[in-house]
Protein backbone atom coordinates (compact mmCIF):
# COMPACT_ATOMS: atom_id res chain seq x y z
CA UNK A 1 15.89 9.57 -16.21
CA UNK A 2 18.68 12.13 -16.09
CA UNK A 3 17.06 14.29 -18.75
CA UNK A 4 13.81 14.29 -16.78
CA UNK A 5 15.77 14.75 -13.54
CA UNK A 6 14.19 11.69 -11.97
CA UNK A 7 15.98 9.79 -9.27
CA UNK A 8 15.71 6.09 -8.58
CA UNK A 9 13.87 6.89 -5.34
CA UNK A 10 11.26 8.87 -7.32
CA UNK A 11 10.59 5.89 -9.58
CA UNK A 12 10.44 3.46 -6.68
CA UNK A 13 7.98 5.74 -4.90
CA UNK A 14 5.76 5.95 -8.00
CA UNK A 15 5.80 2.14 -8.29
CA UNK A 16 4.87 1.71 -4.63
CA UNK A 17 1.90 4.03 -5.14
CA UNK A 18 0.75 1.61 -7.85
CA UNK A 19 1.24 -1.34 -5.45
CA UNK A 20 4.25 -2.60 -7.40
CA UNK A 21 6.76 -3.86 -4.88
CA UNK A 22 9.52 -4.96 -7.21
CA UNK A 23 10.87 -2.99 -10.15
CA UNK A 24 11.77 -6.31 -11.82
CA UNK A 25 8.02 -7.00 -12.21
CA UNK A 26 7.72 -4.04 -14.60
CA UNK A 27 7.93 -4.79 -18.31
CA UNK A 28 7.56 -1.18 -19.47
CA UNK A 29 7.54 2.21 -17.78
CA UNK A 30 6.76 5.43 -19.63
CA UNK A 31 7.18 8.95 -18.35
CA UNK A 32 4.03 10.73 -19.50
CA UNK A 33 3.97 14.44 -20.46
CA UNK A 34 2.10 15.17 -17.20
CA UNK A 35 5.18 13.79 -15.36
CA UNK A 36 3.34 10.68 -14.20
CA UNK A 37 4.75 7.21 -14.79
CA UNK A 38 2.64 4.69 -16.70
CA UNK A 39 3.59 1.07 -16.16
CA UNK A 40 2.94 -2.31 -17.69
CA UNK A 41 3.67 -5.42 -15.66
CA UNK A 42 5.28 -8.55 -17.06
CA UNK A 43 2.56 -11.03 -18.08
CA UNK A 44 3.43 -13.52 -15.33
CA UNK A 45 3.30 -10.74 -12.69
CA UNK A 46 -0.01 -9.14 -13.71
CA UNK A 47 -2.99 -9.86 -11.44
CA UNK A 48 -5.31 -12.64 -12.54
CA UNK A 49 -8.55 -11.56 -14.18
CA UNK A 50 -11.93 -13.23 -13.76
CA UNK A 51 -11.39 -14.73 -17.21
CA UNK A 52 -8.04 -16.24 -16.13
CA UNK A 53 -9.64 -17.81 -13.07
CA UNK A 54 -12.56 -19.16 -15.08
CA UNK A 55 -10.17 -20.84 -17.53
CA UNK A 56 -8.46 -22.58 -14.62
CA UNK A 57 -11.79 -23.70 -13.15
CA UNK A 58 -12.88 -25.09 -16.52
CA UNK A 59 -9.83 -27.37 -16.74
């Protein structure tokens, strides 16, 4: 973060723009060459897919 001159507030703002309210929900964050932040949520924090819901309904 220091090398890229990013501040905590910058990261929190980028996460809010992706509708991520808690930094602890993020498993991986990558600073892309275009200075955008790519994120991956922890598996238990990722939104349910149609496939996930169908599996539950099938039980």
